[in-house]
């Protein structure tokens, strides 16, 4: 569980709220890469002050393109140490800078999570000839050709690294599929044939079987692949001092392999029995996410994609959306202990393939919903704090740092909900000693408790001017303005 990992490896403050940041956005190295690790390091004091306790860092592994975001992975064992693919460092910096960042963050009580891209490989060193059948792109179990030979990019020799850390070299036997025939220059989905080779079983059922996503698709049933990747997992935790993993594209990876990976690394890496693990199973379906987590056989968190889509719908519909339904069909509603809640990420941001950007006017409210309540492990997007770069830049979310700081200082104690109106909802956090919290709607009559009778309260974010005096019965009327009309909310 996330709080166990945070307590074990990070801040030791009793009763502290934990908050993760996705410490990058798609264009964070726009027009000049190689310095992101140092850039994040320079922001650590600011992140610590606002209440961030964990960072999900982007892929540290060598990519096929030295200027990419890192998801076109080439060599797991090269963290920016070897001259491969045209550079020593990655788009984010060198291995030395990465480890220094994790160490510095840990000294401030901020733990780091590794972005593990285990589904595929790109940038092969040589093409090989092997037998395939083409499959229907919308039904991967339907073969649409006879067996024939293609020339595919599946030979990985890692000449720049040699045998350091791992002697494993990859060939077509270690993959299940590719998407390009170098001989005919044809694109498609080509299923590789061999003894006992097939698509993975424990994957999402979209397109009948969603094992294949992109590049050269790793065969996690192959014993040499399993051993190399799991050994990498143990190595990178010890090598870097990180406290856990964010697993990319898990709905395309054999579920049993992910479960074995997590269980093995926890069991065999000294001091990491409580290693944090969260997977990106990006689908607007609680049922699919619940089925996945339940079958893993070990504690595992998932990003709450259904909650993101609820926020997207609420922001798009405005007053037509019933806020009392905001939690419906979400992981945080049904399995809060396994939910990593979020508003947006690098895939949903503007100009990306999965773009579903939450309306700027609604974002402060969405962040209040995930940061100022007790359920779920909130993950804040880098682009919402520091802005998104790129050809279509996006502004930071107004006062997001203040909301995160409110979580750090005030969001404690019993939760009392007042979700009794389609457009006006509120809740109270009764607080702890020296920590008192609240959240309010347009005008909402809410109970604070008789222990606060006579106290005068003000809106800490400044959204509603004036004072509120708590009545002798412990109740008071709290107000906030119409968020759709607030200029600073991006409307």
Protein backbone atom coordinates (compact mmCIF):
# COMPACT_ATOMS: atom_id res chain seq x y z
CA UNK A 1 0.00 0.00 0.00
CA UNK A 2 1.18 3.52 -0.79
CA UNK A 3 1.21 4.78 2.81
CA UNK A 4 3.28 1.77 3.91
CA UNK A 5 5.90 2.53 1.25
CA UNK A 6 5.92 6.23 2.09
CA UNK A 7 6.23 5.57 5.82
CA UNK A 8 9.04 3.06 5.25
CA UNK A 9 11.19 4.99 2.77
CA UNK A 10 10.17 8.65 3.05
CA UNK A 11 8.94 11.24 5.50
CA UNK A 12 8.57 10.00 9.07
CA UNK A 13 6.10 12.65 10.30
CA UNK A 14 3.28 10.97 12.18
CA UNK A 15 -0.05 11.30 10.41
CA UNK A 16 1.39 13.19 7.43
CA UNK A 17 -0.62 13.28 4.19
CA UNK A 18 1.19 11.79 1.21
CA UNK A 19 1.10 13.40 -2.23
CA UNK A 20 2.76 12.20 -5.45
CA UNK A 21 3.80 14.35 -8.37
CA UNK A 22 4.26 13.14 -11.92
CA UNK A 23 7.55 15.00 -12.30
CA UNK A 24 7.38 15.62 -16.05
CA UNK A 25 5.04 16.45 -18.92
CA UNK A 26 5.36 15.43 -22.55
CA UNK A 27 7.22 18.58 -23.60
CA UNK A 28 9.23 19.27 -20.46
CA UNK A 29 12.46 19.06 -22.47
CA UNK A 30 11.00 20.95 -25.46
CA UNK A 31 13.75 22.66 -27.51
CA UNK A 32 16.56 21.43 -25.32
CA UNK A 33 16.91 18.12 -23.48
CA UNK A 34 19.43 16.45 -21.26
CA UNK A 35 18.91 18.61 -18.18
CA UNK A 36 15.61 17.53 -16.66
CA UNK A 37 17.11 15.62 -13.72
CA UNK A 38 18.97 18.78 -12.67
CA UNK A 39 15.89 20.92 -13.31
CA UNK A 40 13.75 18.76 -11.00
CA UNK A 41 16.55 18.80 -8.43
CA UNK A 42 16.42 22.61 -8.40
CA UNK A 43 12.67 22.44 -7.68
CA UNK A 44 12.90 20.09 -4.68
CA UNK A 45 12.72 22.79 -2.00
CA UNK A 46 9.58 24.17 -3.61
CA UNK A 47 8.00 20.72 -3.92
CA UNK A 48 8.85 19.90 -0.33
CA UNK A 49 7.40 23.18 0.93
CA UNK A 50 4.06 22.64 -0.79
CA UNK A 51 3.74 19.08 0.55
CA UNK A 52 4.94 16.71 -2.19
CA UNK A 53 6.22 13.45 -0.68
CA UNK A 54 6.85 11.28 -3.76
CA UNK A 55 7.91 11.72 -7.38
CA UNK A 56 7.07 9.56 -10.36
CA UNK A 57 10.07 10.29 -12.57
CA UNK A 58 10.04 9.69 -16.36
CA UNK A 59 11.78 6.65 -17.89
CA UNK A 60 15.49 6.75 -16.99
CA UNK A 61 16.38 4.02 -19.52
CA UNK A 62 18.08 4.53 -22.90
CA UNK A 63 15.61 5.12 -25.71
CA UNK A 64 15.97 4.52 -29.43
CA UNK A 65 15.70 8.28 -29.97
CA UNK A 66 17.92 10.27 -27.59
CA UNK A 67 15.48 13.18 -27.78
CA UNK A 68 12.27 11.24 -27.06
CA UNK A 69 10.26 11.01 -23.85
CA UNK A 70 11.76 7.56 -23.26
CA UNK A 71 8.86 5.21 -23.99
CA UNK A 72 10.59 3.96 -27.17
CA UNK A 73 12.90 1.97 -24.92
CA UNK A 74 16.10 0.45 -26.29
CA UNK A 75 18.19 -0.77 -23.32
CA UNK A 76 16.85 -1.22 -19.77
CA UNK A 77 20.35 -1.49 -18.35
CA UNK A 78 21.58 1.86 -19.67
CA UNK A 79 20.42 4.73 -17.46
CA UNK A 80 22.41 7.32 -19.36
CA UNK A 81 25.83 5.76 -18.83
CA UNK A 82 26.90 4.38 -22.21
CA UNK A 83 27.37 5.87 -25.67
CA UNK A 84 24.41 4.27 -27.43
CA UNK A 85 21.87 5.58 -29.92
CA UNK A 86 23.84 8.74 -30.51
CA UNK A 87 24.30 9.90 -26.93
CA UNK A 88 25.55 8.92 -23.49
CA UNK A 89 22.78 10.59 -21.51
CA UNK A 90 19.05 10.22 -22.06
CA UNK A 91 16.73 13.07 -22.94
CA UNK A 92 16.56 13.81 -19.21
CA UNK A 93 20.24 13.57 -18.29
CA UNK A 94 22.86 11.08 -17.14
CA UNK A 95 22.74 8.17 -14.74
CA UNK A 96 24.87 10.12 -12.29
CA UNK A 97 22.39 13.02 -12.32
CA UNK A 98 19.43 10.64 -11.92
CA UNK A 99 20.89 8.95 -8.86
CA UNK A 100 21.92 12.30 -7.38
CA UNK A 101 18.35 13.57 -7.79
CA UNK A 102 16.85 10.53 -6.05
CA UNK A 103 19.35 10.85 -3.19
CA UNK A 104 18.75 14.57 -2.72
CA UNK A 105 14.98 14.09 -2.80
CA UNK A 106 15.18 11.30 -0.24
CA UNK A 107 17.12 13.58 2.12
CA UNK A 108 14.14 15.94 1.99
CA UNK A 109 11.66 13.13 2.67
CA UNK A 110 10.56 12.77 -0.96
CA UNK A 111 10.71 9.23 -2.38
CA UNK A 112 11.07 8.41 -6.08
CA UNK A 113 9.31 5.91 -8.33
CA UNK A 114 10.87 4.45 -11.49
CA UNK A 115 8.88 4.51 -14.73
CA UNK A 116 9.29 0.90 -15.89
CA UNK A 117 8.64 0.41 -19.62
CA UNK A 118 8.54 -3.38 -19.89
CA UNK A 119 6.17 -3.99 -22.79
CA UNK A 120 8.35 -3.53 -25.86
CA UNK A 121 11.66 -2.47 -27.39
CA UNK A 122 12.62 -0.06 -30.18
CA UNK A 123 15.77 0.73 -32.14
CA UNK A 124 17.09 -2.77 -32.85
CA UNK A 125 20.70 -3.02 -33.99
CA UNK A 126 19.95 -5.43 -36.80
CA UNK A 127 17.09 -7.01 -38.71
CA UNK A 128 16.39 -10.77 -38.65
CA UNK A 129 14.37 -13.14 -40.80
CA UNK A 130 11.59 -15.15 -39.12
CA UNK A 131 8.16 -16.64 -39.74
CA UNK A 132 4.97 -14.68 -39.05
CA UNK A 133 1.31 -14.43 -39.82
CA UNK A 134 -0.45 -11.12 -40.20
CA UNK A 135 -3.39 -10.52 -37.87
CA UNK A 136 -6.46 -8.32 -38.08
CA UNK A 137 -5.75 -5.03 -36.27
CA UNK A 138 -9.20 -5.10 -34.64
CA UNK A 139 -9.11 -8.84 -33.85
CA UNK A 140 -5.58 -9.90 -32.95
CA UNK A 141 -6.62 -13.56 -32.68
CA UNK A 142 -7.73 -13.56 -36.33
CA UNK A 143 -4.91 -14.42 -38.74
CA UNK A 144 -5.33 -12.83 -42.17
CA UNK A 145 -2.37 -14.42 -44.00
CA UNK A 146 -0.57 -17.70 -44.37
CA UNK A 147 2.71 -18.29 -42.56
CA UNK A 148 5.58 -16.52 -44.34
CA UNK A 149 8.98 -14.95 -43.65
CA UNK A 150 9.58 -11.27 -43.02
CA UNK A 151 12.61 -9.25 -42.08
CA UNK A 152 11.99 -7.58 -38.73
CA UNK A 153 14.01 -5.32 -36.45
CA UNK A 154 14.49 -7.65 -33.48
CA UNK A 155 18.26 -8.01 -32.99
CA UNK A 156 19.49 -6.12 -29.92
CA UNK A 157 23.24 -6.38 -29.19
CA UNK A 158 23.86 -3.31 -26.97
CA UNK A 159 27.41 -2.92 -28.28
CA UNK A 160 27.96 0.33 -26.40
CA UNK A 161 27.27 -1.34 -23.05
CA UNK A 162 28.72 -4.74 -23.86
CA UNK A 163 28.06 -7.27 -21.11
CA UNK A 164 28.11 -4.84 -18.19
CA UNK A 165 25.21 -5.49 -15.78
CA UNK A 166 23.61 -8.03 -18.15
CA UNK A 167 24.90 -10.42 -20.83
CA UNK A 168 21.46 -10.83 -22.37
CA UNK A 169 21.14 -10.13 -26.10
CA UNK A 170 17.71 -10.12 -27.73
CA UNK A 171 16.59 -11.81 -30.92
CA UNK A 172 13.23 -12.53 -32.59
CA UNK A 173 12.68 -15.52 -30.26
CA UNK A 174 12.27 -13.06 -27.38
CA UNK A 175 9.34 -11.20 -28.95
CA UNK A 176 5.75 -12.01 -29.87
CA UNK A 177 5.15 -9.49 -32.63
CA UNK A 178 6.37 -6.55 -34.69
CA UNK A 179 4.68 -3.93 -36.85
CA UNK A 180 7.03 -3.57 -39.81
CA UNK A 181 8.50 -5.80 -42.51
CA UNK A 182 11.83 -4.33 -43.55
CA UNK A 183 11.93 -6.56 -46.66
CA UNK A 184 8.70 -5.24 -48.19
CA UNK A 185 8.49 -2.01 -46.15
CA UNK A 186 4.98 -3.03 -45.19
CA UNK A 187 3.28 -1.92 -41.97
CA UNK A 188 0.91 -4.18 -40.07
CA UNK A 189 0.76 -6.42 -37.02
CA UNK A 190 2.90 -9.49 -37.57
CA UNK A 191 2.57 -12.31 -35.06
CA UNK A 192 5.86 -14.16 -34.62
CA UNK A 193 5.67 -17.97 -34.72
CA UNK A 194 7.77 -20.48 -32.80
CA UNK A 195 7.55 -23.33 -30.33
CA UNK A 196 4.92 -22.48 -27.72
CA UNK A 197 4.78 -18.85 -28.86
CA UNK A 198 1.49 -16.97 -28.71
CA UNK A 199 0.02 -13.69 -27.57
CA UNK A 200 0.00 -13.22 -23.79
CA UNK A 201 -3.06 -14.44 -21.91
CA UNK A 202 -3.40 -11.97 -19.03
CA UNK A 203 -3.97 -8.81 -21.08
CA UNK A 204 -6.93 -6.58 -21.86
CA UNK A 205 -9.55 -8.08 -24.19
CA UNK A 206 -9.81 -5.03 -26.45
CA UNK A 207 -9.20 -6.11 -30.06
CA UNK A 208 -9.80 -9.68 -28.76
CA UNK A 209 -6.28 -9.65 -27.30
CA UNK A 210 -4.37 -6.42 -26.61
CA UNK A 211 -0.92 -7.91 -26.08
CA UNK A 212 0.56 -6.07 -29.04
CA UNK A 213 0.90 -2.31 -28.68
CA UNK A 214 3.99 -1.11 -30.54
CA UNK A 215 7.60 -1.82 -31.52
CA UNK A 216 9.03 -5.27 -30.88
CA UNK A 217 6.64 -6.77 -28.33
CA UNK A 218 8.44 -8.62 -25.52
CA UNK A 219 7.49 -12.25 -24.86
CA UNK A 220 7.25 -12.36 -21.07
CA UNK A 221 6.65 -16.11 -21.15
CA UNK A 222 10.14 -16.67 -22.54
CA UNK A 223 12.35 -17.72 -19.58
CA UNK A 224 15.32 -15.62 -20.71
CA UNK A 225 13.15 -12.51 -21.00
CA UNK A 226 11.57 -13.11 -17.60
CA UNK A 227 14.93 -13.56 -15.92
CA UNK A 228 16.55 -10.53 -17.53
CA UNK A 229 13.68 -8.13 -16.83
CA UNK A 230 13.14 -9.25 -13.21
CA UNK A 231 16.89 -9.08 -12.55
CA UNK A 232 16.79 -5.54 -13.93
CA UNK A 233 14.01 -4.71 -11.47
CA UNK A 234 16.10 -5.85 -8.51
CA UNK A 235 19.20 -4.11 -9.86
CA UNK A 236 17.66 -0.71 -10.53
CA UNK A 237 16.13 -0.44 -7.07
CA UNK A 238 19.48 -1.18 -5.44
CA UNK A 239 21.42 0.93 -7.93
CA UNK A 240 19.30 4.07 -7.62
CA UNK A 241 17.74 4.02 -4.16
CA UNK A 242 14.22 4.41 -5.56
CA UNK A 243 11.20 3.28 -3.52
CA UNK A 244 8.94 1.78 -6.16
CA UNK A 245 7.73 1.49 -9.74
CA UNK A 246 5.20 3.01 -12.05
CA UNK A 247 4.53 0.33 -14.70
CA UNK A 248 3.76 1.57 -18.20
CA UNK A 249 1.02 0.02 -20.36
CA UNK A 250 0.23 -2.93 -18.07
CA UNK A 251 -2.94 -3.85 -19.93
CA UNK A 252 -0.65 -5.02 -22.76
CA UNK A 253 1.63 -7.13 -20.52
CA UNK A 254 0.97 -10.61 -19.16
CA UNK A 255 -0.65 -10.03 -15.78
CA UNK A 256 1.07 -13.00 -14.16
CA UNK A 257 4.45 -11.61 -15.18
CA UNK A 258 3.76 -8.24 -13.54
CA UNK A 259 2.63 -10.03 -10.38
CA UNK A 260 5.77 -12.19 -10.33
CA UNK A 261 7.97 -9.15 -10.99
CA UNK A 262 6.54 -7.21 -8.04
CA UNK A 263 6.53 -10.15 -5.65
CA UNK A 264 10.09 -11.17 -6.55
CA UNK A 265 11.57 -7.68 -6.26
CA UNK A 266 9.83 -7.15 -2.92
CA UNK A 267 10.99 -10.51 -1.59
CA UNK A 268 14.58 -10.49 -2.79
CA UNK A 269 15.66 -6.85 -2.60
CA UNK A 270 16.85 -6.17 0.97
CA UNK A 271 14.81 -3.51 2.74
CA UNK A 272 12.14 -3.28 0.04
CA UNK A 273 9.39 -5.62 1.21
CA UNK A 274 7.01 -2.63 1.10
CA UNK A 275 8.06 -1.47 -2.37
CA UNK A 276 5.35 0.67 -3.98
CA UNK A 277 3.87 -0.47 -7.31
CA UNK A 278 1.31 1.31 -9.49
CA UNK A 279 0.25 0.35 -12.99
CA UNK A 280 -1.07 2.34 -15.91
CA UNK A 281 -4.09 0.31 -17.03
CA UNK A 282 -5.64 3.14 -18.99
CA UNK A 283 -9.26 2.26 -19.58
CA UNK A 284 -12.51 3.94 -18.58
CA UNK A 285 -13.81 0.78 -16.94
CA UNK A 286 -13.73 0.08 -13.22
CA UNK A 287 -14.68 -3.54 -13.89
CA UNK A 288 -11.54 -4.08 -16.01
CA UNK A 289 -9.32 -2.41 -13.43
CA UNK A 290 -10.87 -4.33 -10.55
CA UNK A 291 -10.45 -7.64 -12.38
CA UNK A 292 -6.80 -6.87 -13.07
CA UNK A 293 -5.89 -5.85 -9.51
CA UNK A 294 -7.77 -8.75 -7.93
CA UNK A 295 -6.00 -11.35 -10.08
CA UNK A 296 -2.45 -10.07 -9.49
CA UNK A 297 -1.97 -11.91 -6.21
CA UNK A 298 -0.12 -9.02 -4.52
CA UNK A 299 -0.89 -5.48 -3.44
CA UNK A 300 -0.86 -3.25 -6.48
CA UNK A 301 -2.26 0.20 -7.19
CA UNK A 302 -3.72 1.55 -10.43
CA UNK A 303 -4.31 5.03 -11.77
CA UNK A 304 -7.99 5.90 -11.52
CA UNK A 305 -8.71 6.45 -15.22
CA UNK A 306 -12.51 6.41 -14.71
CA UNK A 307 -12.19 9.30 -12.25
CA UNK A 308 -10.21 11.30 -14.80
CA UNK A 309 -12.97 10.80 -17.36
CA UNK A 310 -15.59 11.87 -14.80
CA UNK A 311 -13.61 15.09 -14.27
CA UNK A 312 -13.39 15.55 -18.03
CA UNK A 313 -17.16 15.16 -18.40
CA UNK A 314 -17.90 17.47 -15.48
CA UNK A 315 -15.66 20.19 -16.89
CA UNK A 316 -17.17 19.89 -20.36
CA UNK A 317 -20.81 19.88 -19.21
CA UNK A 318 -20.58 22.53 -16.49
CA UNK A 319 -23.90 23.07 -14.71
CA UNK A 320 -25.46 20.20 -16.68
CA UNK A 321 -23.26 17.72 -14.79
CA UNK A 322 -24.51 16.29 -11.50
CA UNK A 323 -21.59 16.52 -9.06
CA UNK A 324 -23.21 13.92 -6.83
CA UNK A 325 -22.14 11.37 -9.48
CA UNK A 326 -18.47 12.42 -9.61
CA UNK A 327 -17.29 9.25 -7.80
CA UNK A 328 -19.51 6.80 -9.69
CA UNK A 329 -17.67 3.92 -11.33
CA UNK A 330 -14.26 4.94 -9.98
CA UNK A 331 -11.49 2.99 -8.31
CA UNK A 332 -11.34 5.43 -5.40
CA UNK A 333 -15.02 4.82 -4.68
CA UNK A 334 -14.75 1.04 -4.73
CA UNK A 335 -11.11 0.20 -3.84
CA UNK A 336 -9.67 3.38 -2.31
CA UNK A 337 -6.63 1.59 -0.90
CA UNK A 338 -5.54 0.69 -4.46
CA UNK A 339 -6.45 4.00 -6.14
CA UNK A 340 -3.94 6.55 -7.37
CA UNK A 341 -6.15 9.52 -8.18
CA UNK A 342 -5.27 12.10 -10.83
CA UNK A 343 -6.71 14.93 -12.89
CA UNK A 344 -4.50 14.81 -16.00
CA UNK A 345 -1.20 13.29 -17.15
CA UNK A 346 1.27 13.28 -20.05
CA UNK A 347 -1.02 11.13 -22.22
CA UNK A 348 -4.19 13.17 -21.67
CA UNK A 349 -2.51 16.55 -22.14
CA UNK A 350 -3.16 18.71 -25.19
CA UNK A 351 -1.83 17.38 -28.53
CA UNK A 352 -1.32 13.81 -27.32
CA UNK A 353 -2.89 10.66 -28.79
CA UNK A 354 -5.12 10.13 -25.73
CA UNK A 355 -5.89 13.83 -25.30
CA UNK A 356 -8.77 14.37 -22.88
CA UNK A 357 -7.69 17.57 -21.13
CA UNK A 358 -9.88 18.50 -18.17
CA UNK A 359 -11.38 21.99 -18.62
CA UNK A 360 -9.12 24.59 -16.93
CA UNK A 361 -12.04 26.16 -15.04
CA UNK A 362 -12.83 22.82 -13.37
CA UNK A 363 -9.27 21.76 -12.55
CA UNK A 364 -8.96 23.54 -9.17
CA UNK A 365 -12.19 21.85 -8.10
CA UNK A 366 -11.01 18.45 -9.37
CA UNK A 367 -7.75 18.85 -7.46
CA UNK A 368 -9.66 19.83 -4.32
CA UNK A 369 -11.65 16.61 -4.69
CA UNK A 370 -8.54 14.39 -4.79
CA UNK A 371 -6.30 16.39 -2.43
CA UNK A 372 -8.59 17.44 0.42
CA UNK A 373 -10.30 14.12 1.10
CA UNK A 374 -8.90 11.01 2.75
CA UNK A 375 -9.43 8.35 0.05
CA UNK A 376 -6.90 7.51 -2.63
CA UNK A 377 -3.28 8.47 -3.22
CA UNK A 378 -3.33 11.74 -5.21
CA UNK A 379 -0.92 12.30 -8.09
CA UNK A 380 -0.45 15.90 -9.24
CA UNK A 381 0.61 16.58 -12.83
CA UNK A 382 3.83 18.54 -13.40
CA UNK A 383 2.22 20.52 -16.21
CA UNK A 384 -0.56 21.69 -13.90
CA UNK A 385 1.99 23.20 -11.49
CA UNK A 386 4.67 24.50 -13.85
CA UNK A 387 2.73 24.68 -17.11
CA UNK A 388 3.01 22.61 -20.29
CA UNK A 389 5.43 23.52 -23.04
CA UNK A 390 5.27 22.47 -26.68
CA UNK A 391 3.64 24.06 -29.72
CA UNK A 392 0.37 24.52 -27.81
CA UNK A 393 1.47 25.49 -24.28
CA UNK A 394 -0.91 25.34 -21.33
CA UNK A 395 -0.90 27.55 -18.24
CA UNK A 396 -0.48 26.20 -14.70
CA UNK A 397 -3.59 25.61 -12.62
CA UNK A 398 -4.44 28.63 -10.49
CA UNK A 399 -3.47 28.20 -6.83
CA UNK A 400 -2.71 24.50 -7.18
CA UNK A 401 0.31 24.85 -4.91
CA UNK A 402 -1.97 26.39 -2.27
CA UNK A 403 -4.38 23.46 -2.51
CA UNK A 404 -1.51 20.96 -2.13
CA UNK A 405 -0.28 22.93 0.86
CA UNK A 406 -3.78 22.83 2.35
CA UNK A 407 -3.63 19.04 2.08
CA UNK A 408 -0.32 19.06 3.91
CA UNK A 409 -1.50 21.37 6.70
CA UNK A 410 -5.25 20.97 7.14
CA UNK A 411 -6.82 17.94 5.38
CA UNK A 412 -7.07 15.63 8.40
CA UNK A 413 -9.66 14.01 10.59
CA UNK A 414 -13.14 12.63 10.04
CA UNK A 415 -14.87 13.35 6.71
CA UNK A 416 -18.42 14.68 6.66
CA UNK A 417 -19.99 14.84 3.20
CA UNK A 418 -22.66 17.26 1.98
CA UNK A 419 -23.26 15.95 -1.53
CA UNK A 420 -26.93 16.97 -1.64
CA UNK A 421 -27.12 19.26 -4.68
CA UNK A 422 -26.24 18.70 -8.34
CA UNK A 423 -24.07 21.84 -8.59
CA UNK A 424 -23.15 22.55 -4.99
CA UNK A 425 -21.31 19.98 -2.90
CA UNK A 426 -19.12 20.27 0.15
CA UNK A 427 -17.40 18.37 2.88
CA UNK A 428 -15.81 18.92 6.25
CA UNK A 429 -12.58 17.49 7.60
CA UNK A 430 -12.88 17.70 11.37
CA UNK A 431 -9.12 18.03 11.78
CA UNK A 432 -6.61 16.83 14.30
CA UNK A 433 -4.79 18.63 17.05
CA UNK A 434 -3.21 21.72 15.48
CA UNK A 435 -4.70 20.71 12.11
CA UNK A 436 -8.21 21.84 11.18
CA UNK A 437 -9.58 21.55 7.65
CA UNK A 438 -12.60 22.36 5.54
CA UNK A 439 -13.97 22.64 1.99
CA UNK A 440 -17.18 24.39 0.88
CA UNK A 441 -19.60 24.96 -2.00
CA UNK A 442 -21.81 27.95 -3.08
CA UNK A 443 -23.58 28.20 0.29
CA UNK A 444 -23.52 25.04 2.32
CA UNK A 445 -24.72 24.61 5.89
CA UNK A 446 -22.19 22.24 7.43
CA UNK A 447 -21.26 20.97 10.87
CA UNK A 448 -17.78 21.74 12.14
CA UNK A 449 -18.33 20.66 15.72
CA UNK A 450 -19.24 22.38 19.00
CA UNK A 451 -15.59 22.47 19.93
CA UNK A 452 -15.16 25.26 17.37
CA UNK A 453 -18.18 27.33 18.49
CA UNK A 454 -17.49 31.04 18.29
CA UNK A 455 -14.41 30.69 16.08
CA UNK A 456 -14.09 33.01 13.09
CA UNK A 457 -13.00 31.28 9.87
CA UNK A 458 -11.81 32.71 6.54
CA UNK A 459 -11.24 31.13 3.11
CA UNK A 460 -7.55 30.20 3.04
CA UNK A 461 -7.44 30.35 -0.78
CA UNK A 462 -9.16 33.74 -0.94
CA UNK A 463 -11.89 32.55 -3.28
CA UNK A 464 -14.62 33.85 -0.93
CA UNK A 465 -14.12 37.10 0.91
CA UNK A 466 -15.45 37.79 4.39
CA UNK A 467 -15.61 35.82 7.62
CA UNK A 468 -17.69 32.90 8.88
CA UNK A 469 -18.46 32.55 12.58
CA UNK A 470 -19.14 29.04 13.85
CA UNK A 471 -22.45 28.88 15.72
CA UNK A 472 -22.96 27.63 19.27
CA UNK A 473 -24.26 24.33 17.82
CA UNK A 474 -21.06 23.87 15.80
CA UNK A 475 -22.71 24.61 12.44
CA UNK A 476 -22.14 27.45 9.97
CA UNK A 477 -22.91 28.57 6.43
CA UNK A 478 -19.91 28.41 4.10
CA UNK A 479 -19.80 29.94 0.68
CA UNK A 480 -17.69 30.00 -2.45
CA UNK A 481 -18.09 31.79 -5.81
CA UNK A 482 -19.25 30.30 -9.09
CA UNK A 483 -16.07 28.62 -10.40
CA UNK A 484 -17.25 28.90 -14.01
CA UNK A 485 -17.05 32.70 -13.74
CA UNK A 486 -13.63 32.98 -12.08
CA UNK A 487 -11.03 34.50 -14.41
CA UNK A 488 -8.11 32.88 -12.60
CA UNK A 489 -9.64 29.45 -13.26
CA UNK A 490 -8.97 29.87 -16.97
CA UNK A 491 -12.53 30.68 -18.12
